[in-house]
Amino acid sequence: MGQLIYVNAQELKKPLSRHGCIFENYKGGSGYLTIRLGGRVSELPMHESRKELGKGLVRRIYKELGLK
Protein backbone atom coordinates (compact mmCIF):
# COMPACT_ATOMS: atom_id res chain seq x y z
CA MET A 1 0.00 0.00 0.00
CA GLY A 2 2.95 2.32 0.54
CA GLN A 3 2.40 5.83 1.82
CA LEU A 4 -1.28 6.51 2.38
CA ILE A 5 -2.66 9.58 0.68
CA TYR A 6 -6.18 10.89 0.54
CA VAL A 7 -8.08 9.58 -2.47
CA ASN A 8 -11.66 9.46 -3.61
CA ALA A 9 -13.48 6.27 -4.59
CA GLN A 10 -12.71 6.60 -8.32
CA GLU A 11 -9.00 7.12 -7.66
CA LEU A 12 -8.85 4.09 -5.32
CA LYS A 13 -10.19 1.80 -8.04
CA LYS A 14 -7.04 2.26 -10.16
CA PRO A 15 -4.47 0.70 -7.79
CA LEU A 16 -6.94 -1.99 -6.76
CA SER A 17 -7.51 -3.01 -10.37
CA ARG A 18 -3.71 -3.25 -10.85
CA HIS A 19 -3.73 -5.83 -8.03
CA GLY A 20 -6.31 -7.83 -9.98
CA CYS A 21 -9.47 -6.78 -8.14
CA ILE A 22 -12.83 -7.25 -9.81
CA PHE A 23 -15.57 -4.67 -9.23
CA GLU A 24 -19.26 -5.52 -9.16
CA ASN A 25 -21.98 -2.93 -9.46
CA TYR A 26 -25.55 -3.86 -8.58
CA LYS A 27 -28.69 -2.55 -10.23
CA GLY A 28 -30.83 -0.53 -7.90
CA GLY A 29 -27.99 1.79 -6.90
CA SER A 30 -27.07 0.46 -3.46
CA GLY A 31 -24.36 3.11 -3.22
CA TYR A 32 -21.62 0.50 -2.76
CA LEU A 33 -19.29 -1.23 -5.14
CA THR A 34 -18.32 -4.81 -4.25
CA ILE A 35 -14.61 -5.55 -4.67
CA ARG A 36 -13.45 -9.14 -5.11
CA LEU A 37 -9.92 -10.50 -5.06
CA GLY A 38 -9.68 -14.26 -5.05
CA GLY A 39 -11.97 -15.44 -2.26
CA ARG A 40 -11.85 -12.10 -0.41
CA VAL A 41 -14.54 -9.42 -0.59
CA SER A 42 -14.80 -5.79 0.48
CA GLU A 43 -17.11 -2.87 -0.25
CA LEU A 44 -16.32 0.59 -1.51
CA PRO A 45 -18.85 3.35 -0.79
CA MET A 46 -19.73 5.29 -3.93
CA HIS A 47 -22.16 7.78 -2.37
CA GLU A 48 -20.11 10.83 -3.18
CA SER A 49 -17.41 9.61 -5.55
CA ARG A 50 -15.57 12.94 -5.44
CA LYS A 51 -15.41 13.00 -1.64
CA GLU A 52 -12.11 11.90 -0.11
CA LEU A 53 -12.12 8.56 1.68
CA GLY A 54 -10.74 8.35 5.20
CA LYS A 55 -7.40 6.63 5.83
CA GLY A 56 -9.09 4.08 8.08
CA LEU A 57 -11.54 3.05 5.37
CA VAL A 58 -8.76 2.65 2.80
CA ARG A 59 -6.73 0.55 5.27
CA ARG A 60 -9.77 -1.62 6.02
CA ILE A 61 -10.41 -2.29 2.32
CA TYR A 62 -6.77 -3.27 1.73
CA LYS A 63 -6.77 -5.48 4.84
CA GLU A 64 -10.02 -7.22 3.88
CA LEU A 65 -8.56 -7.96 0.44
CA GLY A 66 -5.26 -9.17 1.88
CA LEU A 67 -3.21 -6.40 0.27
CA LYS A 68 -0.38 -4.41 1.82
PDB file of N, CA and C in Angstrom:
ATOM      1  N   MET A   1       0.838  -1.181   0.000  1.00  0.00           N
ATOM      2  CA  MET A   1       0.000   0.000   0.000  1.00  0.00           C
ATOM      3  C   MET A   1       0.880   1.240   0.000  1.00  0.00           C
ATOM      4  N   GLY A   2       2.066   1.166   0.564  1.00  0.00           N
ATOM      5  CA  GLY A   2       2.953   2.316   0.541  1.00  0.00           C
ATOM      6  C   GLY A   2       2.443   3.445   1.411  1.00  0.00           C
ATOM      7  N   GLN A   3       2.837   4.658   1.070  1.00  0.00           N
ATOM      8  CA  GLN A   3       2.404   5.828   1.816  1.00  0.00           C
ATOM      9  C   GLN A   3       0.938   6.105   1.500  1.00  0.00           C
ATOM     10  N   LEU A   4       0.153   6.288   2.549  1.00  0.00           N
ATOM     11  CA  LEU A   4      -1.278   6.507   2.381  1.00  0.00           C
ATOM     12  C   LEU A   4      -1.558   7.975   2.105  1.00  0.00           C
ATOM     13  N   ILE A   5      -2.248   8.224   1.017  1.00  0.00           N
ATOM     14  CA  ILE A   5      -2.656   9.583   0.684  1.00  0.00           C
ATOM     15  C   ILE A   5      -4.172   9.606   0.591  1.00  0.00           C
ATOM     16  N   TYR A   6      -4.734  10.776   0.638  1.00  0.00           N
ATOM     17  CA  TYR A   6      -6.180  10.893   0.538  1.00  0.00           C
ATOM     18  C   TYR A   6      -6.607  10.729  -0.910  1.00  0.00           C
ATOM     19  N   VAL A   7      -7.562   9.839  -1.124  1.00  0.00           N
ATOM     20  CA  VAL A   7      -8.077   9.584  -2.466  1.00  0.00           C
ATOM     21  C   VAL A   7      -9.595   9.512  -2.404  1.00  0.00           C
ATOM     22  N   ASN A   8     -10.224   9.679  -3.559  1.00  0.00           N
ATOM     23  CA  ASN A   8     -11.661   9.464  -3.614  1.00  0.00           C
ATOM     24  C   ASN A   8     -11.901   8.051  -4.149  1.00  0.00           C
ATOM     25  N   ALA A   9     -13.143   7.638  -4.214  1.00  0.00           N
ATOM     26  CA  ALA A   9     -13.483   6.267  -4.594  1.00  0.00           C
ATOM     27  C   ALA A   9     -12.996   5.932  -6.004  1.00  0.00           C
ATOM     28  N   GLN A  10     -13.141   6.850  -6.940  1.00  0.00           N
ATOM     29  CA  GLN A  10     -12.709   6.598  -8.315  1.00  0.00           C
ATOM     30  C   GLN A  10     -11.199   6.412  -8.396  1.00  0.00           C
ATOM     31  N   GLU A  11     -10.455   7.218  -7.639  1.00  0.00           N
ATOM     32  CA  GLU A  11      -8.998   7.117  -7.657  1.00  0.00           C
ATOM     33  C   GLU A  11      -8.514   5.825  -7.006  1.00  0.00           C
ATOM     34  N   LEU A  12      -9.247   5.314  -6.012  1.00  0.00           N
ATOM     35  CA  LEU A  12      -8.851   4.090  -5.321  1.00  0.00           C
ATOM     36  C   LEU A  12      -9.035   2.867  -6.210  1.00  0.00           C
ATOM     37  N   LYS A  13      -9.955   2.929  -7.143  1.00  0.00           N
ATOM     38  CA  LYS A  13     -10.193   1.797  -8.040  1.00  0.00           C
ATOM     39  C   LYS A  13      -8.972   1.477  -8.902  1.00  0.00           C
ATOM     40  N   LYS A  14      -8.189   2.477  -9.266  1.00  0.00           N
ATOM     41  CA  LYS A  14      -7.044   2.262 -10.160  1.00  0.00           C
ATOM     42  C   LYS A  14      -5.993   1.331  -9.549  1.00  0.00           C
ATOM     43  N   PRO A  15      -5.468   1.619  -8.350  1.00  0.00           N
ATOM     44  CA  PRO A  15      -4.465   0.698  -7.794  1.00  0.00           C
ATOM     45  C   PRO A  15      -5.057  -0.669  -7.450  1.00  0.00           C
ATOM     46  N   LEU A  16      -6.323  -0.705  -7.060  1.00  0.00           N
ATOM     47  CA  LEU A  16      -6.940  -1.988  -6.756  1.00  0.00           C
ATOM     48  C   LEU A  16      -7.062  -2.845  -8.011  1.00  0.00           C
ATOM     49  N   SER A  17      -7.391  -2.234  -9.128  1.00  0.00           N
ATOM     50  CA  SER A  17      -7.506  -3.007 -10.373  1.00  0.00           C
ATOM     51  C   SER A  17      -6.132  -3.517 -10.818  1.00  0.00           C
ATOM     52  N   ARG A  18      -5.066  -2.777 -10.531  1.00  0.00           N
ATOM     53  CA  ARG A  18      -3.713  -3.253 -10.853  1.00  0.00           C
ATOM     54  C   ARG A  18      -3.356  -4.499 -10.051  1.00  0.00           C
ATOM     55  N   HIS A  19      -3.949  -4.642  -8.861  1.00  0.00           N
ATOM     56  CA  HIS A  19      -3.731  -5.830  -8.033  1.00  0.00           C
ATOM     57  C   HIS A  19      -4.604  -7.001  -8.491  1.00  0.00           C
ATOM     58  N   GLY A  20      -5.475  -6.766  -9.460  1.00  0.00           N
ATOM     59  CA  GLY A  20      -6.314  -7.835  -9.983  1.00  0.00           C
ATOM     60  C   GLY A  20      -7.716  -7.875  -9.410  1.00  0.00           C
ATOM     61  N   CYS A  21      -8.125  -6.824  -8.728  1.00  0.00           N
ATOM     62  CA  CYS A  21      -9.468  -6.784  -8.140  1.00  0.00           C
ATOM     63  C   CYS A  21     -10.538  -6.681  -9.215  1.00  0.00           C
ATOM     64  N   ILE A  22     -11.672  -7.303  -8.930  1.00  0.00           N
ATOM     65  CA  ILE A  22     -12.834  -7.246  -9.807  1.00  0.00           C
ATOM     66  C   ILE A  22     -13.902  -6.438  -9.086  1.00  0.00           C
ATOM     67  N   PHE A  23     -14.561  -5.544  -9.810  1.00  0.00           N
ATOM     68  CA  PHE A  23     -15.567  -4.669  -9.231  1.00  0.00           C
ATOM     69  C   PHE A  23     -16.939  -5.068  -9.735  1.00  0.00           C
ATOM     70  N   GLU A  24     -17.892  -5.153  -8.811  1.00  0.00           N
ATOM     71  CA  GLU A  24     -19.262  -5.518  -9.162  1.00  0.00           C
ATOM     72  C   GLU A  24     -20.198  -4.399  -8.754  1.00  0.00           C
ATOM     73  N   ASN A  25     -20.998  -3.971  -9.690  1.00  0.00           N
ATOM     74  CA  ASN A  25     -21.983  -2.927  -9.460  1.00  0.00           C
ATOM     75  C   ASN A  25     -23.360  -3.571  -9.526  1.00  0.00           C
ATOM     76  N   TYR A  26     -24.232  -3.258  -8.603  1.00  0.00           N
ATOM     77  CA  TYR A  26     -25.554  -3.862  -8.577  1.00  0.00           C
ATOM     78  C   TYR A  26     -26.606  -2.877  -9.051  1.00  0.00           C
ATOM     79  N   LYS A  27     -27.570  -3.390  -9.801  1.00  0.00           N
ATOM     80  CA  LYS A  27     -28.688  -2.554 -10.229  1.00  0.00           C
ATOM     81  C   LYS A  27     -29.487  -2.168  -9.007  1.00  0.00           C
ATOM     82  N   GLY A  28     -30.071  -1.016  -9.044  1.00  0.00           N
ATOM     83  CA  GLY A  28     -30.825  -0.527  -7.902  1.00  0.00           C
ATOM     84  C   GLY A  28     -30.057   0.522  -7.136  1.00  0.00           C
ATOM     85  N   GLY A  29     -28.793   0.719  -7.500  1.00  0.00           N
ATOM     86  CA  GLY A  29     -27.995   1.785  -6.902  1.00  0.00           C
ATOM     87  C   GLY A  29     -27.858   1.702  -5.397  1.00  0.00           C
ATOM     88  N   SER A  30     -27.244   0.634  -4.899  1.00  0.00           N
ATOM     89  CA  SER A  30     -27.074   0.462  -3.463  1.00  0.00           C
ATOM     90  C   SER A  30     -26.117   1.483  -2.873  1.00  0.00           C
ATOM     91  N   GLY A  31     -25.314   2.132  -3.718  1.00  0.00           N
ATOM     92  CA  GLY A  31     -24.359   3.112  -3.224  1.00  0.00           C
ATOM     93  C   GLY A  31     -23.018   2.508  -2.862  1.00  0.00           C
ATOM     94  N   TYR A  32     -22.870   1.192  -3.051  1.00  0.00           N
ATOM     95  CA  TYR A  32     -21.621   0.505  -2.759  1.00  0.00           C
ATOM     96  C   TYR A  32     -21.181  -0.296  -3.965  1.00  0.00           C
ATOM     97  N   LEU A  33     -19.884  -0.426  -4.102  1.00  0.00           N
ATOM     98  CA  LEU A  33     -19.287  -1.230  -5.143  1.00  0.00           C
ATOM     99  C   LEU A  33     -18.626  -2.410  -4.442  1.00  0.00           C
ATOM    100  N   THR A  34     -18.935  -3.626  -4.842  1.00  0.00           N
ATOM    101  CA  THR A  34     -18.316  -4.806  -4.249  1.00  0.00           C
ATOM    102  C   THR A  34     -16.993  -5.061  -4.950  1.00  0.00           C
ATOM    103  N   ILE A  35     -15.949  -5.292  -4.148  1.00  0.00           N
ATOM    104  CA  ILE A  35     -14.614  -5.549  -4.674  1.00  0.00           C
ATOM    105  C   ILE A  35     -14.261  -6.986  -4.330  1.00  0.00           C
ATOM    106  N   ARG A  36     -13.836  -7.750  -5.325  1.00  0.00           N
ATOM    107  CA  ARG A  36     -13.447  -9.142  -5.112  1.00  0.00           C
ATOM    108  C   ARG A  36     -12.000  -9.348  -5.551  1.00  0.00           C
ATOM    109  N   LEU A  37     -11.280 -10.102  -4.730  1.00  0.00           N
ATOM    110  CA  LEU A  37      -9.916 -10.496  -5.055  1.00  0.00           C
ATOM    111  C   LEU A  37      -9.735 -11.918  -4.542  1.00  0.00           C
ATOM    112  N   GLY A  38      -9.727 -12.860  -5.456  1.00  0.00           N
ATOM    113  CA  GLY A  38      -9.683 -14.262  -5.054  1.00  0.00           C
ATOM    114  C   GLY A  38     -10.951 -14.584  -4.278  1.00  0.00           C
ATOM    115  N   GLY A  39     -10.817 -15.130  -3.092  1.00  0.00           N
ATOM    116  CA  GLY A  39     -11.972 -15.440  -2.260  1.00  0.00           C
ATOM    117  C   GLY A  39     -12.319 -14.330  -1.284  1.00  0.00           C
ATOM    118  N   ARG A  40     -11.616 -13.218  -1.342  1.00  0.00           N
ATOM    119  CA  ARG A  40     -11.852 -12.103  -0.414  1.00  0.00           C
ATOM    120  C   ARG A  40     -12.782 -11.069  -1.026  1.00  0.00           C
ATOM    121  N   VAL A  41     -13.557 -10.409  -0.147  1.00  0.00           N
ATOM    122  CA  VAL A  41     -14.545  -9.425  -0.589  1.00  0.00           C
ATOM    123  C   VAL A  41     -14.497  -8.205   0.319  1.00  0.00           C
ATOM    124  N   SER A  42     -14.675  -7.036  -0.267  1.00  0.00           N
ATOM    125  CA  SER A  42     -14.797  -5.789   0.478  1.00  0.00           C
ATOM    126  C   SER A  42     -15.802  -4.911  -0.256  1.00  0.00           C
ATOM    127  N   GLU A  43     -16.182  -3.810   0.376  1.00  0.00           N
ATOM    128  CA  GLU A  43     -17.115  -2.874  -0.246  1.00  0.00           C
ATOM    129  C   GLU A  43     -16.533  -1.471  -0.247  1.00  0.00           C
ATOM    130  N   LEU A  44     -16.783  -0.778  -1.343  1.00  0.00           N
ATOM    131  CA  LEU A  44     -16.316   0.590  -1.508  1.00  0.00           C
ATOM    132  C   LEU A  44     -17.534   1.499  -1.623  1.00  0.00           C
ATOM    133  N   PRO A  45     -17.707   2.438  -0.692  1.00  0.00           N
ATOM    134  CA  PRO A  45     -18.853   3.348  -0.790  1.00  0.00           C
ATOM    135  C   PRO A  45     -18.695   4.289  -1.968  1.00  0.00           C
ATOM    136  N   MET A  46     -19.758   4.429  -2.743  1.00  0.00           N
ATOM    137  CA  MET A  46     -19.731   5.287  -3.927  1.00  0.00           C
ATOM    138  C   MET A  46     -20.737   6.425  -3.796  1.00  0.00           C
ATOM    139  N   HIS A  47     -21.145   6.747  -2.579  1.00  0.00           N
ATOM    140  CA  HIS A  47     -22.159   7.778  -2.366  1.00  0.00           C
ATOM    141  C   HIS A  47     -21.770   9.097  -3.008  1.00  0.00           C
ATOM    142  N   GLU A  48     -20.620   9.570  -2.631  1.00  0.00           N
ATOM    143  CA  GLU A  48     -20.111  10.827  -3.177  1.00  0.00           C
ATOM    144  C   GLU A  48     -18.730  10.516  -3.734  1.00  0.00           C
ATOM    145  N   SER A  49     -18.662  10.115  -4.989  1.00  0.00           N
ATOM    146  CA  SER A  49     -17.412   9.611  -5.555  1.00  0.00           C
ATOM    147  C   SER A  49     -16.287  10.644  -5.552  1.00  0.00           C
ATOM    148  N   ARG A  50     -16.610  11.908  -5.467  1.00  0.00           N
ATOM    149  CA  ARG A  50     -15.575  12.944  -5.445  1.00  0.00           C
ATOM    150  C   ARG A  50     -15.090  13.254  -4.026  1.00  0.00           C
ATOM    151  N   LYS A  51     -15.788  12.755  -3.028  1.00  0.00           N
ATOM    152  CA  LYS A  51     -15.408  13.001  -1.641  1.00  0.00           C
ATOM    153  C   LYS A  51     -14.230  12.104  -1.256  1.00  0.00           C
ATOM    154  N   GLU A  52     -13.277  12.670  -0.527  1.00  0.00           N
ATOM    155  CA  GLU A  52     -12.112  11.901  -0.110  1.00  0.00           C
ATOM    156  C   GLU A  52     -12.498  10.839   0.899  1.00  0.00           C
ATOM    157  N   LEU A  53     -11.897   9.658   0.755  1.00  0.00           N
ATOM    158  CA  LEU A  53     -12.122   8.562   1.685  1.00  0.00           C
ATOM    159  C   LEU A  53     -11.165   8.707   2.857  1.00  0.00           C
ATOM    160  N   GLY A  54     -11.598   8.288   4.028  1.00  0.00           N
ATOM    161  CA  GLY A  54     -10.737   8.346   5.202  1.00  0.00           C
ATOM    162  C   GLY A  54      -9.637   7.295   5.133  1.00  0.00           C
ATOM    163  N   LYS A  55      -8.515   7.574   5.810  1.00  0.00           N
ATOM    164  CA  LYS A  55      -7.395   6.630   5.827  1.00  0.00           C
ATOM    165  C   LYS A  55      -7.817   5.289   6.410  1.00  0.00           C
ATOM    166  N   GLY A  56      -8.648   5.314   7.448  1.00  0.00           N
ATOM    167  CA  GLY A  56      -9.090   4.079   8.085  1.00  0.00           C
ATOM    168  C   GLY A  56      -9.888   3.197   7.139  1.00  0.00           C
ATOM    169  N   LEU A  57     -10.746   3.799   6.331  1.00  0.00           N
ATOM    170  CA  LEU A  57     -11.544   3.046   5.366  1.00  0.00           C
ATOM    171  C   LEU A  57     -10.648   2.420   4.307  1.00  0.00           C
ATOM    172  N   VAL A  58      -9.682   3.174   3.806  1.00  0.00           N
ATOM    173  CA  VAL A  58      -8.760   2.649   2.796  1.00  0.00           C
ATOM    174  C   VAL A  58      -7.957   1.493   3.376  1.00  0.00           C
ATOM    175  N   ARG A  59      -7.462   1.633   4.610  1.00  0.00           N
ATOM    176  CA  ARG A  59      -6.727   0.549   5.270  1.00  0.00           C
ATOM    177  C   ARG A  59      -7.596  -0.691   5.425  1.00  0.00           C
ATOM    178  N   ARG A  60      -8.855  -0.501   5.827  1.00  0.00           N
ATOM    179  CA  ARG A  60      -9.770  -1.624   6.017  1.00  0.00           C
ATOM    180  C   ARG A  60     -10.000  -2.378   4.709  1.00  0.00           C
ATOM    181  N   ILE A  61     -10.192  -1.656   3.624  1.00  0.00           N
ATOM    182  CA  ILE A  61     -10.411  -2.288   2.321  1.00  0.00           C
ATOM    183  C   ILE A  61      -9.185  -3.112   1.929  1.00  0.00           C
ATOM    184  N   TYR A  62      -7.987  -2.535   2.058  1.00  0.00           N
ATOM    185  CA  TYR A  62      -6.772  -3.271   1.727  1.00  0.00           C
ATOM    186  C   TYR A  62      -6.606  -4.496   2.616  1.00  0.00           C
ATOM    187  N   LYS A  63      -6.899  -4.355   3.906  1.00  0.00           N
ATOM    188  CA  LYS A  63      -6.766  -5.475   4.844  1.00  0.00           C
ATOM    189  C   LYS A  63      -7.756  -6.584   4.496  1.00  0.00           C
ATOM    190  N   GLU A  64      -9.016  -6.226   4.225  1.00  0.00           N
ATOM    191  CA  GLU A  64     -10.021  -7.224   3.883  1.00  0.00           C
ATOM    192  C   GLU A  64      -9.664  -7.984   2.612  1.00  0.00           C
ATOM    193  N   LEU A  65      -8.960  -7.326   1.700  1.00  0.00           N
ATOM    194  CA  LEU A  65      -8.562  -7.959   0.438  1.00  0.00           C
ATOM    195  C   LEU A  65      -7.214  -8.661   0.540  1.00  0.00           C
ATOM    196  N   GLY A  66      -6.550  -8.523   1.685  1.00  0.00           N
ATOM    197  CA  GLY A  66      -5.255  -9.174   1.883  1.00  0.00           C
ATOM    198  C   GLY A  66      -4.107  -8.485   1.173  1.00  0.00           C
ATOM    199  N   LEU A  67      -4.243  -7.193   0.937  1.00  0.00           N
ATOM    200  CA  LEU A  67      -3.211  -6.402   0.268  1.00  0.00           C
ATOM    201  C   LEU A  67      -2.422  -5.596   1.293  1.00  0.00           C
ATOM    202  N   LYS A  68      -1.189  -5.239   0.930  1.00  0.00           N
ATOM    203  CA  LYS A  68      -0.377  -4.409   1.820  1.00  0.00           C
ATOM    204  C   LYS A  68      -0.154  -3.060   1.198  1.00  0.00           C
TER     205      LYS A  68
END
